[in-house]
Protein backbone atom coordinates (compact mmCIF):
# COMPACT_ATOMS: atom_id res chain seq x y z
CA MET A 1 103.94 94.40 123.09
CA ALA A 2 101.56 97.77 123.36
CA THR A 3 97.79 97.05 123.67
CA ASN A 4 95.80 96.72 120.88
CA ARG A 5 93.29 99.44 119.80
CA GLN A 6 90.19 98.32 117.85
CA TRP A 7 86.60 99.58 116.60
CA LEU A 8 83.51 97.64 117.25
CA LEU A 9 80.01 98.35 115.89
CA SER A 10 78.11 99.94 118.70
CA SER A 11 74.84 100.37 117.43
CA ARG A 12 72.87 100.01 114.13
CA PRO A 13 72.79 103.26 112.02
CA THR A 14 69.27 104.82 111.24
CA GLY A 15 70.16 106.41 107.82
CA GLU A 16 73.64 107.59 107.49
CA PRO A 17 75.98 106.35 110.19
CA THR A 18 77.70 108.60 112.57
CA VAL A 19 80.60 108.30 114.76
CA ASP A 20 78.17 107.40 117.56
CA ASP A 21 77.80 103.98 115.80
CA PHE A 22 81.45 103.24 116.52
CA GLU A 23 83.08 102.23 119.72
CA SER A 24 86.91 102.08 120.60
CA ILE A 25 88.43 99.59 122.99
CA GLU A 26 91.80 98.38 123.67
CA ALA A 27 92.54 94.79 124.39
CA ASP A 28 95.81 92.73 124.77
CA VAL A 29 97.35 91.78 121.58
CA PRO A 30 96.53 88.64 120.45
CA THR A 31 98.88 85.59 120.26
CA PRO A 32 98.75 83.30 117.45
CA GLY A 33 97.79 79.85 117.63
CA PRO A 34 98.66 76.33 115.03
CA ARG A 35 98.77 77.41 111.61
CA GLU A 36 98.08 81.09 112.52
CA VAL A 37 99.53 84.22 111.48
CA LEU A 38 100.22 87.80 113.81
CA VAL A 39 99.82 90.75 111.69
CA GLU A 40 100.53 94.40 112.35
CA THR A 41 98.24 96.83 110.18
CA GLU A 42 99.88 99.29 107.85
CA TYR A 43 96.65 100.23 105.78
CA LEU A 44 92.97 99.79 106.68
CA SER A 45 90.39 99.57 103.80
CA VAL A 46 87.28 101.30 104.24
CA ASP A 47 84.64 100.51 101.56
CA PRO A 48 80.96 101.28 100.39
CA TYR A 49 79.78 97.55 101.00
CA MET A 50 80.44 97.74 104.79
CA ARG A 51 77.41 100.08 105.19
CA GLY A 52 75.43 96.95 104.36
CA ARG A 53 76.87 94.67 107.09
CA MET A 54 75.84 97.31 109.66
CA ARG A 55 72.40 96.10 109.02
CA ASP A 56 70.26 93.67 110.35
CA ALA A 57 68.97 92.62 106.99
CA GLU A 58 70.02 89.90 104.49
CA SER A 59 72.77 91.20 102.20
CA TYR A 60 75.47 89.37 100.02
CA ALA A 61 77.90 90.12 103.26
CA GLU A 62 77.04 88.91 106.15
CA PRO A 63 75.70 91.18 108.89
CA TRP A 64 77.63 92.48 112.18
CA ASP A 65 76.06 92.05 115.31
CA VAL A 66 76.08 95.13 117.71
CA GLY A 67 79.30 94.85 119.63
CA ASP A 68 81.07 92.84 117.05
CA PRO A 69 84.67 93.89 115.86
CA MET A 70 84.64 95.90 112.42
CA ARG A 71 86.40 93.84 109.73
CA ALA A 72 87.97 95.45 106.45
CA ALA A 73 90.69 94.59 104.17
CA VAL A 74 93.95 95.18 105.44
CA VAL A 75 97.40 95.26 104.63
CA GLY A 76 100.31 94.69 107.08
CA SER A 77 103.22 92.84 108.31
CA VAL A 78 103.70 89.71 109.91
CA VAL A 79 105.02 89.98 113.30
CA GLU A 80 105.01 86.30 114.38
CA SER A 81 104.19 83.04 112.09
CA ASN A 82 102.86 79.83 112.91
CA HIS A 83 101.99 78.82 109.48
CA PRO A 84 104.92 77.57 107.12
CA SER A 85 104.02 79.99 104.15
CA PHE A 86 104.94 83.26 106.11
CA GLU A 87 107.56 84.43 108.32
CA ALA A 88 108.16 87.64 110.32
CA GLY A 89 108.61 90.59 108.03
CA ASP A 90 106.27 89.47 105.24
CA SER A 91 103.80 92.01 104.04
CA VAL A 92 100.57 90.22 103.74
CA VAL A 93 96.83 91.15 102.92
CA GLY A 94 93.69 89.85 104.04
CA ASP A 95 90.12 90.17 105.59
CA LEU A 96 90.87 91.31 108.94
CA LEU A 97 89.83 93.41 111.98
CA TRP A 98 89.76 97.07 112.56
CA ALA A 99 92.41 96.63 114.75
CA GLU A 100 96.26 97.58 115.12
CA TYR A 101 97.07 94.07 115.46
CA ALA A 102 95.13 91.02 114.24
CA VAL A 103 95.31 87.26 114.23
CA ALA A 104 94.06 85.03 111.01
CA ASP A 105 94.81 81.82 109.66
CA GLY A 106 97.69 81.64 107.10
CA ALA A 107 95.20 80.19 104.62
CA ASP A 108 93.13 83.39 104.62
CA LEU A 109 96.19 85.65 103.90
CA ARG A 110 97.98 86.36 100.67
CA ARG A 111 101.18 87.52 100.30
CA VAL A 112 101.77 90.66 98.61
CA ASP A 113 104.23 91.22 96.15
CA PRO A 114 106.48 94.45 96.77
CA ASP A 115 107.75 94.64 93.04
CA ARG A 116 104.23 95.20 92.07
CA GLY A 117 103.85 98.47 93.94
CA PRO A 118 103.51 100.08 97.13
CA VAL A 119 101.64 97.77 99.67
CA SER A 120 98.98 100.25 99.80
CA THR A 121 97.99 98.99 96.39
CA ALA A 122 97.09 95.63 97.81
CA VAL A 123 93.67 96.91 98.89
CA GLY A 124 93.20 99.18 96.15
CA VAL A 125 94.27 99.00 92.37
CA LEU A 126 95.89 95.50 92.95
CA GLY A 127 93.36 94.30 95.52
CA MET A 128 89.52 94.06 95.67
CA PRO A 129 88.74 97.41 93.89
CA GLY A 130 90.75 96.95 91.07
CA VAL A 131 89.74 93.13 90.76
CA THR A 132 86.19 94.02 90.75
CA ALA A 133 86.81 96.48 88.10
CA TYR A 134 88.89 94.10 86.21
CA PHE A 135 85.98 91.48 86.32
CA GLY A 136 83.10 93.82 85.86
CA MET A 137 84.47 95.39 82.88
CA THR A 138 86.01 92.27 81.10
CA ASP A 139 83.44 89.77 81.90
CA VAL A 140 80.09 91.52 82.37
CA VAL A 141 80.32 94.42 80.27
CA GLU A 142 82.65 92.85 77.33
CA PRO A 143 83.25 96.17 75.78
CA THR A 144 83.80 96.13 72.29
CA ALA A 145 86.06 98.95 70.33
CA GLY A 146 83.83 101.86 69.36
CA ASP A 147 81.15 101.24 72.29
CA THR A 148 79.96 104.24 74.56
CA VAL A 149 80.63 103.04 78.09
CA VAL A 150 79.03 105.26 80.82
CA VAL A 151 80.66 104.74 84.33
CA SER A 152 79.15 106.33 87.36
CA GLY A 153 80.81 106.71 90.83
CA ALA A 154 84.10 107.20 88.11
CA ALA A 155 86.57 108.52 90.47
CA GLY A 156 86.28 106.09 92.96
CA ALA A 157 88.70 103.30 93.40
CA VAL A 158 86.24 100.94 91.27
CA GLY A 159 84.99 103.05 88.69
CA SER A 160 88.08 104.67 87.74
CA VAL A 161 90.28 101.57 86.94
CA ALA A 162 86.78 100.23 85.15
CA GLY A 163 86.66 103.10 82.94
CA GLN A 164 90.08 103.02 82.10
CA ILE A 165 89.97 99.41 81.18
CA ALA A 166 86.94 100.24 78.89
CA ALA A 167 89.17 102.98 77.07
CA LEU A 168 92.09 100.29 76.83
CA SER A 169 89.47 98.47 74.83
CA GLY A 170 89.01 101.11 72.58
CA CYS A 171 85.60 102.23 73.92
CA ARG A 172 84.39 106.43 74.29
CA VAL A 173 84.19 106.32 77.98
CA VAL A 174 81.92 108.97 79.87
CA GLY A 175 82.47 109.24 83.78
CA ILE A 176 80.00 110.61 86.30
CA ALA A 177 81.60 112.15 89.48
CA GLY A 178 80.68 114.84 92.39
CA THR A 179 83.47 117.63 91.92
CA ASP A 180 85.51 119.69 89.46
CA GLU A 181 88.53 118.24 90.80
CA LYS A 182 87.19 114.84 90.07
CA THR A 183 86.09 115.02 86.61
CA ALA A 184 89.31 116.74 85.75
CA TRP A 185 91.37 113.85 86.88
CA LEU A 186 89.02 111.54 84.78
CA GLU A 187 89.67 113.15 81.54
CA SER A 188 93.51 113.10 82.65
CA ILE A 189 93.65 109.49 82.82
CA GLY A 190 91.84 108.60 79.58
CA PHE A 191 88.20 109.41 80.11
CA ASP A 192 86.82 111.10 77.27
CA ALA A 193 84.56 113.37 79.07
CA ALA A 194 83.24 113.43 82.78
CA VAL A 195 80.04 114.89 84.25
CA ASN A 196 79.99 116.56 87.44
CA TYR A 197 76.33 115.72 88.90
CA GLU A 198 76.56 118.35 91.67
CA THR A 199 76.44 121.12 89.04
CA GLU A 200 75.38 119.81 85.85
CA ASP A 201 71.90 118.78 84.60
CA VAL A 202 72.99 114.91 84.22
CA PRO A 203 70.34 114.05 81.42
CA SER A 204 71.22 116.89 79.45
CA ALA A 205 75.09 116.46 79.56
CA LEU A 206 74.90 112.89 79.05
CA GLY A 207 72.80 113.61 75.90
CA ASP A 208 75.91 115.77 75.09
CA HIS A 209 78.57 113.30 75.70
CA CYS A 210 76.49 110.34 74.34
CA PRO A 211 74.73 111.39 70.95
CA ASP A 212 74.91 108.00 69.74
CA GLY A 213 73.39 106.70 73.26
CA VAL A 214 75.12 104.43 75.51
CA ASP A 215 76.18 100.59 74.93
CA ALA A 216 77.40 99.60 78.36
CA TYR A 217 76.85 101.05 81.66
CA PHE A 218 79.11 100.22 84.64
CA ASP A 219 76.51 101.34 87.69
CA ASN A 220 78.22 101.87 90.96
CA VAL A 221 75.53 104.28 92.53
CA GLY A 222 72.03 103.66 91.27
CA GLY A 223 69.08 106.22 91.81
CA PRO A 224 68.43 109.40 89.66
CA ILE A 225 71.91 109.00 87.72
CA THR A 226 71.32 105.33 86.85
CA ASP A 227 67.61 106.83 85.75
CA ALA A 228 69.35 109.34 83.31
CA VAL A 229 71.96 106.66 81.78
CA TRP A 230 68.67 104.24 81.52
CA SER A 231 66.98 106.64 79.04
CA LEU A 232 70.19 106.34 77.02
CA LEU A 233 70.37 102.67 76.46
CA ASN A 234 71.17 101.44 72.77
CA VAL A 235 69.66 98.42 71.64
CA ARG A 236 71.68 95.34 73.14
CA ALA A 237 73.32 97.28 75.52
CA THR A 238 74.65 96.05 78.83
CA VAL A 239 74.78 97.40 82.44
CA ALA A 240 76.71 95.87 84.87
CA VAL A 241 75.50 96.68 88.27
CA CYS A 242 78.44 96.61 90.93
CA GLY A 243 77.20 99.06 93.69
CA GLN A 244 74.15 101.60 94.62
CA ILE A 245 75.55 103.96 97.07
CA SER A 246 73.04 106.33 96.66
CA THR A 247 70.72 103.99 98.73
CA TYR A 248 73.11 102.35 101.16
CA ASN A 249 71.73 105.02 103.81
CA ALA A 250 68.07 104.71 102.92
CA THR A 251 65.47 104.16 105.73
CA GLU A 252 63.11 103.02 102.93
CA THR A 253 63.69 101.18 99.72
CA PRO A 254 63.15 104.50 97.36
CA THR A 255 60.63 103.93 94.48
CA GLY A 256 61.89 106.00 91.46
CA PRO A 257 60.55 106.34 87.76
CA ARG A 258 59.20 102.94 86.35
CA LYS A 259 62.34 102.22 83.84
CA LEU A 260 61.96 98.59 82.92
CA MET A 261 60.08 99.57 79.95
CA ARG A 262 63.16 100.68 78.31
CA LEU A 263 64.35 97.22 78.62
CA ILE A 264 61.82 95.95 76.07
CA GLN A 265 62.89 98.90 73.51
CA SER A 266 66.77 98.36 74.05
CA ARG A 267 66.64 94.68 74.76
CA ALA A 268 69.57 95.66 77.12
CA ARG A 269 71.12 92.96 79.38
CA VAL A 270 71.21 93.82 83.11
CA GLU A 271 73.60 91.70 85.50
CA GLY A 272 74.82 92.37 88.90
CA PHE A 273 78.13 90.75 89.96
CA LEU A 274 80.13 90.14 93.01
CA VAL A 275 84.02 89.78 92.75
CA ARG A 276 83.92 86.53 95.09
CA ASP A 277 82.16 84.48 92.13
CA TYR A 278 85.60 85.22 90.78
CA GLU A 279 87.89 83.90 93.50
CA GLY A 280 89.68 81.20 91.49
CA ARG A 281 90.76 84.15 88.57
CA TRP A 282 92.36 86.70 90.84
CA ASP A 283 95.83 86.12 89.62
CA GLU A 284 94.89 86.41 86.19
CA ALA A 285 93.18 89.82 87.31
CA LEU A 286 96.40 90.97 89.37
CA ASP A 287 98.61 89.90 86.58
CA ARG A 288 97.16 92.49 84.17
CA LEU A 289 96.37 94.82 86.26
CA SER A 290 100.09 95.19 87.55
CA ALA A 291 100.93 95.25 84.23
CA TRP A 292 99.02 97.89 83.21
CA VAL A 293 99.97 100.12 86.07
CA ASP A 294 103.79 99.33 85.46
CA ARG A 295 103.37 100.56 81.97
CA GLY A 296 101.30 103.87 82.91
CA ASP A 297 98.03 102.56 81.10
CA VAL A 298 96.04 102.53 84.00
CA ALA A 299 96.61 105.38 86.99
CA TYR A 300 95.26 105.31 90.28
CA ARG A 301 94.80 107.83 93.35
CA GLU A 302 94.75 107.30 97.01
CA THR A 303 93.15 109.30 99.85
CA VAL A 304 94.72 108.48 102.78
CA VAL A 305 93.33 109.73 106.23
CA GLU A 306 95.95 109.35 108.68
CA GLY A 307 95.51 107.47 111.98
CA PHE A 308 94.02 104.32 113.67
CA GLU A 309 91.58 106.83 115.70
CA ARG A 310 90.37 107.98 112.61
CA ALA A 311 89.17 105.09 110.75
CA PRO A 312 85.12 105.85 111.27
CA GLU A 313 85.81 109.31 110.05
CA ALA A 314 87.45 107.42 107.01
CA PHE A 315 84.59 105.45 106.05
CA LEU A 316 81.75 108.23 106.71
CA GLY A 317 83.67 110.56 104.29
CA LEU A 318 82.87 107.53 101.34
CA PHE A 319 79.13 108.58 102.06
CA GLU A 320 80.21 112.35 101.35
CA GLY A 321 82.27 111.72 98.42
CA ALA A 322 85.54 112.92 100.25
CA ASN A 323 87.66 110.39 98.16
CA VAL A 324 89.36 110.49 95.10
CA GLY A 325 90.43 107.35 93.91
CA LYS A 326 90.79 104.56 96.87
CA GLN A 327 89.92 105.59 100.47
CA LEU A 328 92.44 103.94 102.83
CA VAL A 329 93.58 104.59 106.67
CA ARG A 330 97.30 104.50 107.45
CA VAL A 331 97.54 103.29 110.77
CA GLY A 332 99.99 104.69 113.16
CA GLY A 333 103.49 103.13 113.75
CA SER A 334 103.30 101.53 109.85
């Protein structure tokens, strides 16, 4: 077999990561052991939460050591299997190395159903991002028809699906994103309005689009955008905290306006959540998501960077807002 390229964490970033924080190496293609599976990568996922794993600090995701291989959600094809549940040619998804080939215990892989859609969706709308959106909206926010729901990071893989689920529930949905292309896309897929935070005054625009206040907020970004939403929370509003990408590259914990007093007035509920809390219910989410996608009720987009060698570039683009929908790397030879 060909040699196996993979990416390592070469240094811990200070502030925003750069390409110098990654190292590319070549190694032999691994051989699967008992009950293991050799997978050839087709699509490699990059996600904002991975920034936390580059820090030497406690987080909900275990940090990598310098010199460790990078890991991500990967969808690929089985090359060789020593596990009874898989055979050569099967499409599978799992948390694997940033590598062209990787070995995994078969128990850590999930078969991809090609009838549900393109295999790339297994790390997007029909994978972790879609499932995150599903449970964050249905179980944490619990939208009610007629509610006004605001979603930040709304043109990303999670936010775009979360907003569409709220719209399916009969809610008025306002998205916040960073380009006119993104806001136009959001309005084309069922958002009632969208705010471009780069060109608009967010507090003023939200006031115009949410004249009766905000009943629920799906927060992917934190920072000043969240401050603007906070001021509009209605009595008994719900805030689902999914991500805080605006602070992921901060060298010190930022201190912004003191907003907790608003909770006294609004009696709002603020709840953070992790998709791993719902491990036993993924089939429920995937069944509903795939049905919505098949009917055209939930739309999705993918931003695909071509070539394994460009994986760090694709990851860094997340912090520049380069992606619309799910950011993927298509690995050569797929």
